[in-house]
Amino acid sequence: MRGCLAACLALLPLAAPAWEPDGLEVDLELVLAVDVSRSMSAEELETQRRGYAAALRSEEVVAAITGGMIGRVAMTYVEWAGASAQRSIVDWTLIESAEDAAGFAARIGAQTAPGMRRTSISGALLHAAESFGDNGFHGLRQVIDISGDGPNNQGRPVLAARDAVVAEGITINGLPLMTPEEELAIWDIADLDIYYEDCVVGGPGAFVLPVHGWDAFPDAVKRKLVLEIAGPDARVWRAEAPGPERVDCLVGEKTWDRYRRTWGEP
């Protein structure tokens, strides 16, 4: 019996190899997509960068990162404006410790790039979705965290872009910046939070967290990151399921066209 052991084992089928994910496995792949259109002043751009940097250094965010099933996330910070105007400030980075989070925050804080023209939420969403493809990570969840102070006014219609991204299994969360300024009132809409709910966000556990005033921005960013990293079981204001539109998802494009026809290209 012992003599045939090796021969008998050789006849047995080989065990199937263990499944290997395409890239390093993480709890979450997160794109921080931050509006830097010209409706933002230099001071507001700096407030945004400082707010994200401070949130990433906070104990609450670090605890959410290290407390996940795997205990690490992958993150990138992208600034966006018009349809072809996106710039990567911090490329895809593994974060699994307070030191990693602080390093990511420092790279955000080191940037002083100016704003860019137009507002293309659709362009930002499609750019962010494409970046998941070859980033070197495999997340249990993929999320785009998009902030902005106005509606889409360039590029693909935002509903079409939102639906295409969500169809890929990606969740989109929104941080509408409801911080109007008199000189830019023509581009503002009073119900930007509803616009984000109906036209921008989508996917499993999607939510909107509006910001009413720049003084509330740092705490809102920290709360939003904790909720996103903690996952869809977190208690949060959910975006409603798609239904009859409460706002016109082309309001930005129509406003831009009216201005252009009256005053010329701004």
C-alpha atoms as a PDB file:
ATOM      1  CA  MET A   1       0.000   0.000   0.000  1.00  0.00           C
ATOM      2  CA  ARG A   2       2.788   2.391   0.982  1.00  0.00           C
ATOM      3  CA  GLY A   3       4.606   1.555  -2.219  1.00  0.00           C
ATOM      4  CA  CYS A   4       1.881   2.939  -4.397  1.00  0.00           C
ATOM      5  CA  LEU A   5       1.259   6.090  -2.327  1.00  0.00           C
ATOM      6  CA  ALA A   6       3.263   8.409  -4.533  1.00  0.00           C
ATOM      7  CA  ALA A   7       1.831   6.912  -7.719  1.00  0.00           C
ATOM      8  CA  CYS A   8      -1.737   7.077  -6.395  1.00  0.00           C
ATOM      9  CA  LEU A   9      -1.340  10.692  -5.345  1.00  0.00           C
ATOM     10  CA  ALA A  10      -0.002  11.548  -8.754  1.00  0.00           C
ATOM     11  CA  LEU A  11      -3.283  10.351 -10.287  1.00  0.00           C
ATOM     12  CA  LEU A  12      -5.398  12.651  -8.119  1.00  0.00           C
ATOM     13  CA  PRO A  13      -6.613  15.891  -9.766  1.00  0.00           C
ATOM     14  CA  LEU A  14      -4.681  18.975  -8.782  1.00  0.00           C
ATOM     15  CA  ALA A  15      -6.495  21.360  -6.453  1.00  0.00           C
ATOM     16  CA  ALA A  16      -7.792  24.469  -8.167  1.00  0.00           C
ATOM     17  CA  PRO A  17      -5.538  27.450  -7.519  1.00  0.00           C
ATOM     18  CA  ALA A  18      -6.821  29.964  -5.010  1.00  0.00           C
ATOM     19  CA  TRP A  19      -8.530  32.964  -6.622  1.00  0.00           C
ATOM     20  CA  GLU A  20      -6.291  35.999  -6.757  1.00  0.00           C
ATOM     21  CA  PRO A  21      -7.814  39.459  -7.113  1.00  0.00           C
ATOM     22  CA  ASP A  22      -6.588  41.750  -9.855  1.00  0.00           C
ATOM     23  CA  GLY A  23      -4.496  44.040  -7.651  1.00  0.00           C
ATOM     24  CA  LEU A  24      -3.944  44.453  -3.914  1.00  0.00           C
ATOM     25  CA  GLU A  25      -7.191  43.820  -2.063  1.00  0.00           C
ATOM     26  CA  VAL A  26      -8.576  46.730  -0.037  1.00  0.00           C
ATOM     27  CA  ASP A  27     -11.832  47.545   1.712  1.00  0.00           C
ATOM     28  CA  LEU A  28     -12.496  50.537  -0.510  1.00  0.00           C
ATOM     29  CA  GLU A  29     -11.237  52.282  -3.631  1.00  0.00           C
ATOM     30  CA  LEU A  30     -12.173  55.947  -3.194  1.00  0.00           C
ATOM     31  CA  VAL A  31     -11.884  58.845  -5.636  1.00  0.00           C
ATOM     32  CA  LEU A  32     -12.030  62.274  -4.001  1.00  0.00           C
ATOM     33  CA  ALA A  33     -13.231  64.429  -6.937  1.00  0.00           C
ATOM     34  CA  VAL A  34     -13.055  68.089  -5.928  1.00  0.00           C
ATOM     35  CA  ASP A  35     -14.546  71.030  -7.850  1.00  0.00           C
ATOM     36  CA  VAL A  36     -12.036  73.794  -8.704  1.00  0.00           C
ATOM     37  CA  SER A  37     -14.097  75.686 -11.294  1.00  0.00           C
ATOM     38  CA  ARG A  38     -13.700  79.457 -11.477  1.00  0.00           C
ATOM     39  CA  SER A  39     -16.765  80.003  -9.340  1.00  0.00           C
ATOM     40  CA  MET A  40     -14.367  79.150  -6.503  1.00  0.00           C
ATOM     41  CA  SER A  41     -12.148  81.920  -5.118  1.00  0.00           C
ATOM     42  CA  ALA A  42      -8.493  81.255  -4.262  1.00  0.00           C
ATOM     43  CA  GLU A  43      -9.452  81.314  -0.587  1.00  0.00           C
ATOM     44  CA  GLU A  44     -12.202  78.738  -1.132  1.00  0.00           C
ATOM     45  CA  LEU A  45      -9.844  76.454  -3.052  1.00  0.00           C
ATOM     46  CA  GLU A  46      -7.436  76.615  -0.133  1.00  0.00           C
ATOM     47  CA  THR A  47     -10.270  75.967   2.345  1.00  0.00           C
ATOM     48  CA  GLN A  48     -11.189  72.819   0.412  1.00  0.00           C
ATOM     49  CA  ARG A  49      -7.636  71.471   0.393  1.00  0.00           C
ATOM     50  CA  ARG A  50      -7.125  72.218   4.070  1.00  0.00           C
ATOM     51  CA  GLY A  51     -10.472  70.613   4.895  1.00  0.00           C
ATOM     52  CA  TYR A  52      -9.649  67.340   3.155  1.00  0.00           C
ATOM     53  CA  ALA A  53      -6.153  67.281   4.620  1.00  0.00           C
ATOM     54  CA  ALA A  54      -7.448  67.854   8.151  1.00  0.00           C
ATOM     55  CA  ALA A  55     -10.135  65.183   7.765  1.00  0.00           C
ATOM     56  CA  LEU A  56      -7.584  62.582   6.646  1.00  0.00           C
ATOM     57  CA  ARG A  57      -5.433  63.304   9.697  1.00  0.00           C
ATOM     58  CA  SER A  58      -8.375  62.968  12.097  1.00  0.00           C
ATOM     59  CA  GLU A  59      -8.652  60.087  14.528  1.00  0.00           C
ATOM     60  CA  GLU A  60     -12.160  59.312  13.287  1.00  0.00           C
ATOM     61  CA  VAL A  61     -11.129  58.821   9.662  1.00  0.00           C
ATOM     62  CA  VAL A  62      -8.005  56.821  10.559  1.00  0.00           C
ATOM     63  CA  ALA A  63     -10.106  54.584  12.831  1.00  0.00           C
ATOM     64  CA  ALA A  64     -12.586  53.978   9.985  1.00  0.00           C
ATOM     65  CA  ILE A  65      -9.729  53.027   7.644  1.00  0.00           C
ATOM     66  CA  THR A  66      -7.962  50.648  10.028  1.00  0.00           C
ATOM     67  CA  GLY A  67     -11.194  49.203  11.417  1.00  0.00           C
ATOM     68  CA  GLY A  68     -12.427  47.716   8.153  1.00  0.00           C
ATOM     69  CA  MET A  69     -12.559  44.043   7.228  1.00  0.00           C
ATOM     70  CA  ILE A  70      -9.129  44.251   5.594  1.00  0.00           C
ATOM     71  CA  GLY A  71      -7.952  47.397   7.349  1.00  0.00           C
ATOM     72  CA  ARG A  72      -6.740  49.380   4.370  1.00  0.00           C
ATOM     73  CA  VAL A  73      -8.129  51.544   1.562  1.00  0.00           C
ATOM     74  CA  ALA A  74      -6.857  52.987  -1.698  1.00  0.00           C
ATOM     75  CA  MET A  75      -7.496  56.645  -2.435  1.00  0.00           C
ATOM     76  CA  THR A  76      -6.816  59.335  -5.043  1.00  0.00           C
ATOM     77  CA  TYR A  77      -7.460  63.101  -4.962  1.00  0.00           C
ATOM     78  CA  VAL A  78      -8.519  64.677  -8.258  1.00  0.00           C
ATOM     79  CA  GLU A  79      -9.454  68.292  -8.999  1.00  0.00           C
ATOM     80  CA  TRP A  80     -11.893  68.965 -11.827  1.00  0.00           C
ATOM     81  CA  ALA A  81     -13.685  71.718 -13.719  1.00  0.00           C
ATOM     82  CA  GLY A  82     -14.595  71.535 -17.450  1.00  0.00           C
ATOM     83  CA  ALA A  83     -15.224  68.456 -19.572  1.00  0.00           C
ATOM     84  CA  SER A  84     -11.515  67.891 -20.279  1.00  0.00           C
ATOM     85  CA  ALA A  85     -10.163  69.655 -17.210  1.00  0.00           C
ATOM     86  CA  GLN A  86      -9.176  67.125 -14.560  1.00  0.00           C
ATOM     87  CA  ARG A  87      -5.860  66.974 -12.760  1.00  0.00           C
ATOM     88  CA  SER A  88      -4.587  64.304 -10.386  1.00  0.00           C
ATOM     89  CA  ILE A  89      -3.209  65.967  -7.256  1.00  0.00           C
ATOM     90  CA  VAL A  90      -2.479  62.725  -5.404  1.00  0.00           C
ATOM     91  CA  ASP A  91      -2.415  59.525  -7.458  1.00  0.00           C
ATOM     92  CA  TRP A  92      -3.803  56.198  -6.216  1.00  0.00           C
ATOM     93  CA  THR A  93      -2.226  55.523  -2.821  1.00  0.00           C
ATOM     94  CA  LEU A  94      -2.515  52.720  -0.272  1.00  0.00           C
ATOM     95  CA  ILE A  95      -3.573  53.937   3.185  1.00  0.00           C
ATOM     96  CA  GLU A  96      -3.432  51.503   6.089  1.00  0.00           C
ATOM     97  CA  SER A  97      -2.091  53.614   8.968  1.00  0.00           C
ATOM     98  CA  ALA A  98      -2.209  57.073  10.483  1.00  0.00           C
ATOM     99  CA  GLU A  99       1.190  57.750   8.918  1.00  0.00           C
ATOM    100  CA  ASP A 100      -0.108  56.844   5.445  1.00  0.00           C
ATOM    101  CA  ALA A 101      -3.131  59.121   5.901  1.00  0.00           C
ATOM    102  CA  ALA A 102      -0.934  61.986   7.101  1.00  0.00           C
ATOM    103  CA  GLY A 103       1.353  61.561   4.098  1.00  0.00           C
ATOM    104  CA  PHE A 104      -1.622  61.694   1.726  1.00  0.00           C
ATOM    105  CA  ALA A 105      -2.918  64.796   3.518  1.00  0.00           C
ATOM    106  CA  ALA A 106       0.463  66.520   3.253  1.00  0.00           C
ATOM    107  CA  ARG A 107       0.503  66.019  -0.509  1.00  0.00           C
ATOM    108  CA  ILE A 108      -2.954  67.624  -0.796  1.00  0.00           C
ATOM    109  CA  GLY A 109      -1.885  70.543   1.376  1.00  0.00           C
ATOM    110  CA  ALA A 110       1.225  71.177  -0.698  1.00  0.00           C
ATOM    111  CA  GLN A 111      -0.838  72.107  -3.786  1.00  0.00           C
ATOM    112  CA  THR A 112      -1.618  75.707  -4.802  1.00  0.00           C
ATOM    113  CA  ALA A 113      -2.883  75.207  -8.374  1.00  0.00           C
ATOM    114  CA  PRO A 114      -5.420  77.795  -9.612  1.00  0.00           C
ATOM    115  CA  GLY A 115      -9.019  77.140 -10.615  1.00  0.00           C
ATOM    116  CA  MET A 116     -10.078  76.075 -14.105  1.00  0.00           C
ATOM    117  CA  ARG A 117     -12.938  76.977 -16.471  1.00  0.00           C
ATOM    118  CA  ARG A 118     -16.484  75.562 -16.621  1.00  0.00           C
ATOM    119  CA  THR A 119     -18.252  72.857 -14.602  1.00  0.00           C
ATOM    120  CA  SER A 120     -18.514  69.324 -15.956  1.00  0.00           C
ATOM    121  CA  ILE A 121     -19.713  66.922 -13.293  1.00  0.00           C
ATOM    122  CA  SER A 122     -20.186  64.368 -16.053  1.00  0.00           C
ATOM    123  CA  GLY A 123     -16.565  64.721 -17.156  1.00  0.00           C
ATOM    124  CA  ALA A 124     -15.378  64.304 -13.575  1.00  0.00           C
ATOM    125  CA  LEU A 125     -17.486  61.177 -13.041  1.00  0.00           C
ATOM    126  CA  LEU A 126     -16.321  59.502 -16.260  1.00  0.00           C
ATOM    127  CA  HIS A 127     -12.678  60.399 -15.578  1.00  0.00           C
ATOM    128  CA  ALA A 128     -12.930  59.031 -12.034  1.00  0.00           C
ATOM    129  CA  ALA A 129     -14.624  55.810 -13.160  1.00  0.00           C
ATOM    130  CA  GLU A 130     -11.931  55.164 -15.749  1.00  0.00           C
ATOM    131  CA  SER A 131      -9.177  55.534 -13.150  1.00  0.00           C
ATOM    132  CA  PHE A 132     -10.370  52.412 -11.289  1.00  0.00           C
ATOM    133  CA  GLY A 133      -9.380  50.205 -14.222  1.00  0.00           C
ATOM    134  CA  ASP A 134      -5.612  50.023 -13.803  1.00  0.00           C
ATOM    135  CA  ASN A 135      -4.938  51.515 -10.388  1.00  0.00           C
ATOM    136  CA  GLY A 136      -3.325  48.378  -8.937  1.00  0.00           C
ATOM    137  CA  PHE A 137      -6.030  47.759  -6.309  1.00  0.00           C
ATOM    138  CA  HIS A 138      -9.083  45.524  -5.935  1.00  0.00           C
ATOM    139  CA  GLY A 139     -11.662  47.052  -3.624  1.00  0.00           C
ATOM    140  CA  LEU A 140     -14.617  45.360  -1.995  1.00  0.00           C
ATOM    141  CA  ARG A 141     -16.345  48.641  -2.894  1.00  0.00           C
ATOM    142  CA  GLN A 142     -15.629  51.427  -5.384  1.00  0.00           C
ATOM    143  CA  VAL A 143     -16.848  54.935  -4.562  1.00  0.00           C
ATOM    144  CA  ILE A 144     -16.603  58.357  -6.199  1.00  0.00           C
ATOM    145  CA  ASP A 145     -16.915  61.204  -3.690  1.00  0.00           C
ATOM    146  CA  ILE A 146     -17.760  64.302  -5.761  1.00  0.00           C
ATOM    147  CA  SER A 147     -18.092  67.836  -4.427  1.00  0.00           C
ATOM    148  CA  GLY A 148     -19.245  70.903  -6.328  1.00  0.00           C
ATOM    149  CA  ASP A 149     -20.903  74.308  -6.032  1.00  0.00           C
ATOM    150  CA  GLY A 150     -23.039  74.276  -9.156  1.00  0.00           C
ATOM    151  CA  PRO A 151     -24.787  72.149 -11.791  1.00  0.00           C
ATOM    152  CA  ASN A 152     -23.220  70.547 -14.848  1.00  0.00           C
ATOM    153  CA  ASN A 153     -22.822  73.025 -17.726  1.00  0.00           C
ATOM    154  CA  GLN A 154     -20.429  71.315 -20.140  1.00  0.00           C
ATOM    155  CA  GLY A 155     -19.787  67.885 -21.621  1.00  0.00           C
ATOM    156  CA  ARG A 156     -22.069  64.882 -21.533  1.00  0.00           C
ATOM    157  CA  PRO A 157     -25.448  65.287 -19.759  1.00  0.00           C
ATOM    158  CA  VAL A 158     -24.922  64.441 -16.116  1.00  0.00           C
ATOM    159  CA  LEU A 159     -27.730  61.846 -15.960  1.00  0.00           C
ATOM    160  CA  ALA A 160     -26.188  59.842 -18.803  1.00  0.00           C
ATOM    161  CA  ALA A 161     -22.762  59.905 -17.135  1.00  0.00           C
ATOM    162  CA  ARG A 162     -24.216  59.006 -13.724  1.00  0.00           C
ATOM    163  CA  ASP A 163     -26.118  56.035 -15.134  1.00  0.00           C
ATOM    164  CA  ALA A 164     -23.069  54.762 -17.045  1.00  0.00           C
ATOM    165  CA  VAL A 165     -20.883  54.910 -13.938  1.00  0.00           C
ATOM    166  CA  VAL A 166     -23.448  53.264 -11.646  1.00  0.00           C
ATOM    167  CA  ALA A 167     -23.907  50.480 -14.229  1.00  0.00           C
ATOM    168  CA  GLU A 168     -20.263  49.563 -13.572  1.00  0.00           C
ATOM    169  CA  GLY A 169     -21.070  48.851  -9.912  1.00  0.00           C
ATOM    170  CA  ILE A 170     -19.577  52.131  -8.690  1.00  0.00           C
ATOM    171  CA  THR A 171     -21.305  54.228  -6.022  1.00  0.00           C
ATOM    172  CA  ILE A 172     -21.391  58.025  -6.347  1.00  0.00           C
ATOM    173  CA  ASN A 173     -21.802  60.187  -3.243  1.00  0.00           C
ATOM    174  CA  GLY A 174     -22.278  63.952  -3.350  1.00  0.00           C
ATOM    175  CA  LEU A 175     -21.061  66.917  -1.320  1.00  0.00           C
ATOM    176  CA  PRO A 176     -22.989  69.902  -2.764  1.00  0.00           C
ATOM    177  CA  LEU A 177     -21.404  73.189  -1.658  1.00  0.00           C
ATOM    178  CA  MET A 178     -24.323  75.495  -0.998  1.00  0.00           C
ATOM    179  CA  THR A 179     -22.157  78.547  -0.440  1.00  0.00           C
ATOM    180  CA  PRO A 180     -23.553  81.192  -2.844  1.00  0.00           C
ATOM    181  CA  GLU A 181     -21.765  84.440  -3.626  1.00  0.00           C
ATOM    182  CA  GLU A 182     -23.540  87.518  -4.989  1.00  0.00           C
ATOM    183  CA  GLU A 183     -21.224  88.139  -7.933  1.00  0.00           C
ATOM    184  CA  LEU A 184     -21.702  84.545  -9.118  1.00  0.00           C
ATOM    185  CA  ALA A 185     -25.429  84.251  -8.378  1.00  0.00           C
ATOM    186  CA  ILE A 186     -26.300  83.666 -12.045  1.00  0.00           C
ATOM    187  CA  TRP A 187     -24.679  80.216 -11.878  1.00  0.00           C
ATOM    188  CA  ASP A 188     -26.165  79.179  -8.516  1.00  0.00           C
ATOM    189  CA  ILE A 189     -29.273  77.066  -7.984  1.00  0.00           C
ATOM    190  CA  ALA A 190     -31.062  77.207  -4.638  1.00  0.00           C
ATOM    191  CA  ASP A 191     -31.801  73.469  -4.545  1.00  0.00           C
ATOM    192  CA  LEU A 192     -28.320  72.172  -5.394  1.00  0.00           C
ATOM    193  CA  ASP A 193     -28.755  69.396  -2.830  1.00  0.00           C
ATOM    194  CA  ILE A 194     -31.878  68.166  -4.648  1.00  0.00           C
ATOM    195  CA  TYR A 195     -30.024  68.429  -7.965  1.00  0.00           C
ATOM    196  CA  TYR A 196     -27.299  66.193  -6.557  1.00  0.00           C
ATOM    197  CA  GLU A 197     -29.861  63.724  -5.227  1.00  0.00           C
ATOM    198  CA  ASP A 198     -31.808  63.465  -8.486  1.00  0.00           C
ATOM    199  CA  CYS A 199     -29.083  63.955 -11.093  1.00  0.00           C
ATOM    200  CA  VAL A 200     -25.642  63.082  -9.691  1.00  0.00           C
ATOM    201  CA  VAL A 201     -25.506  60.386  -7.006  1.00  0.00           C
ATOM    202  CA  GLY A 202     -26.356  56.712  -7.356  1.00  0.00           C
ATOM    203  CA  GLY A 203     -25.384  53.146  -6.580  1.00  0.00           C
ATOM    204  CA  PRO A 204     -25.576  51.033  -3.403  1.00  0.00           C
ATOM    205  CA  GLY A 205     -25.784  53.195  -0.279  1.00  0.00           C
ATOM    206  CA  ALA A 206     -25.412  56.469  -2.195  1.00  0.00           C
ATOM    207  CA  PHE A 207     -25.961  59.638  -0.187  1.00  0.00           C
ATOM    208  CA  VAL A 208     -25.809  63.433  -0.321  1.00  0.00           C
ATOM    209  CA  LEU A 209     -24.330  65.576   2.439  1.00  0.00           C
ATOM    210  CA  PRO A 210     -24.883  69.286   1.720  1.00  0.00           C
ATOM    211  CA  VAL A 211     -22.555  71.975   3.063  1.00  0.00           C
ATOM    212  CA  HIS A 212     -24.224  75.239   4.114  1.00  0.00           C
ATOM    213  CA  GLY A 213     -21.341  77.683   4.476  1.00  0.00           C
ATOM    214  CA  TRP A 214     -17.559  77.285   4.322  1.00  0.00           C
ATOM    215  CA  ASP A 215     -17.254  77.225   8.109  1.00  0.00           C
ATOM    216  CA  ALA A 216     -19.114  73.887   8.036  1.00  0.00           C
ATOM    217  CA  PHE A 217     -16.898  72.406   5.324  1.00  0.00           C
ATOM    218  CA  PRO A 218     -14.137  70.715   7.417  1.00  0.00           C
ATOM    219  CA  ASP A 219     -16.587  68.847   9.661  1.00  0.00           C
ATOM    220  CA  ALA A 220     -18.739  67.840   6.676  1.00  0.00           C
ATOM    221  CA  VAL A 221     -15.751  66.362   4.850  1.00  0.00           C
ATOM    222  CA  LYS A 222     -14.683  64.409   7.929  1.00  0.00           C
ATOM    223  CA  ARG A 223     -18.180  63.028   8.469  1.00  0.00           C
ATOM    224  CA  LYS A 224     -18.516  62.133   4.804  1.00  0.00           C
ATOM    225  CA  LEU A 225     -15.220  60.247   4.711  1.00  0.00           C
ATOM    226  CA  VAL A 226     -16.092  58.278   7.844  1.00  0.00           C
ATOM    227  CA  LEU A 227     -19.468  57.302   6.386  1.00  0.00           C
ATOM    228  CA  GLU A 228     -17.950  56.292   3.049  1.00  0.00           C
ATOM    229  CA  ILE A 229     -15.140  54.259   4.565  1.00  0.00           C
ATOM    230  CA  ALA A 230     -17.400  52.623   7.173  1.00  0.00           C
ATOM    231  CA  GLY A 231     -19.591  51.283   4.378  1.00  0.00           C
ATOM    232  CA  PRO A 232     -23.246  51.101   3.386  1.00  0.00           C
ATOM    233  CA  ASP A 233     -24.445  50.003   6.839  1.00  0.00           C
ATOM    234  CA  ALA A 234     -23.597  53.435   8.258  1.00  0.00           C
ATOM    235  CA  ARG A 235     -26.497  55.656   9.374  1.00  0.00           C
ATOM    236  CA  VAL A 236     -26.692  58.369   6.734  1.00  0.00           C
ATOM    237  CA  TRP A 237     -29.081  60.492   4.712  1.00  0.00           C
ATOM    238  CA  ARG A 238     -29.735  58.308   1.683  1.00  0.00           C
ATOM    239  CA  ALA A 239     -30.371  59.653  -1.747  1.00  0.00           C
ATOM    240  CA  GLU A 240     -33.815  58.638  -2.932  1.00  0.00           C
ATOM    241  CA  ALA A 241     -34.339  56.012  -5.599  1.00  0.00           C
ATOM    242  CA  PRO A 242     -34.645  57.440  -9.133  1.00  0.00           C
ATOM    243  CA  GLY A 243     -38.101  58.792  -9.787  1.00  0.00           C
ATOM    244  CA  PRO A 244     -39.807  61.857 -11.241  1.00  0.00           C
ATOM    245  CA  GLU A 245     -37.264  64.662 -11.428  1.00  0.00           C
ATOM    246  CA  ARG A 246     -37.785  67.456  -8.884  1.00  0.00           C
ATOM    247  CA  VAL A 247     -35.207  69.600 -10.683  1.00  0.00           C
ATOM    248  CA  ASP A 248     -34.138  70.009 -14.289  1.00  0.00           C
ATOM    249  CA  CYS A 249     -30.931  68.008 -14.703  1.00  0.00           C
ATOM    250  CA  LEU A 250     -30.015  70.270 -17.651  1.00  0.00           C
ATOM    251  CA  VAL A 251     -30.425  73.499 -15.671  1.00  0.00           C
ATOM    252  CA  GLY A 252     -26.706  74.286 -15.831  1.00  0.00           C
ATOM    253  CA  GLU A 253     -26.490  73.832 -19.580  1.00  0.00           C
ATOM    254  CA  LYS A 254     -29.584  75.986 -20.107  1.00  0.00           C
ATOM    255  CA  THR A 255     -28.257  78.764 -17.867  1.00  0.00           C
ATOM    256  CA  TRP A 256     -24.939  78.754 -19.711  1.00  0.00           C
ATOM    257  CA  ASP A 257     -26.671  78.889 -23.102  1.00  0.00           C
ATOM    258  CA  ARG A 258     -28.894  81.819 -22.053  1.00  0.00           C
ATOM    259  CA  TYR A 259     -25.871  83.753 -20.777  1.00  0.00           C
ATOM    260  CA  ARG A 260     -23.852  83.021 -23.926  1.00  0.00           C
ATOM    261  CA  ARG A 261     -26.632  84.120 -26.256  1.00  0.00           C
ATOM    262  CA  THR A 262     -27.134  87.338 -24.271  1.00  0.00           C
ATOM    263  CA  TRP A 263     -23.593  88.338 -23.329  1.00  0.00           C
ATOM    264  CA  GLY A 264     -21.285  86.124 -25.382  1.00  0.00           C
ATOM    265  CA  GLU A 265     -18.798  83.565 -24.066  1.00  0.00           C
ATOM    266  CA  PRO A 266     -18.033  84.390 -20.402  1.00  0.00           C
END
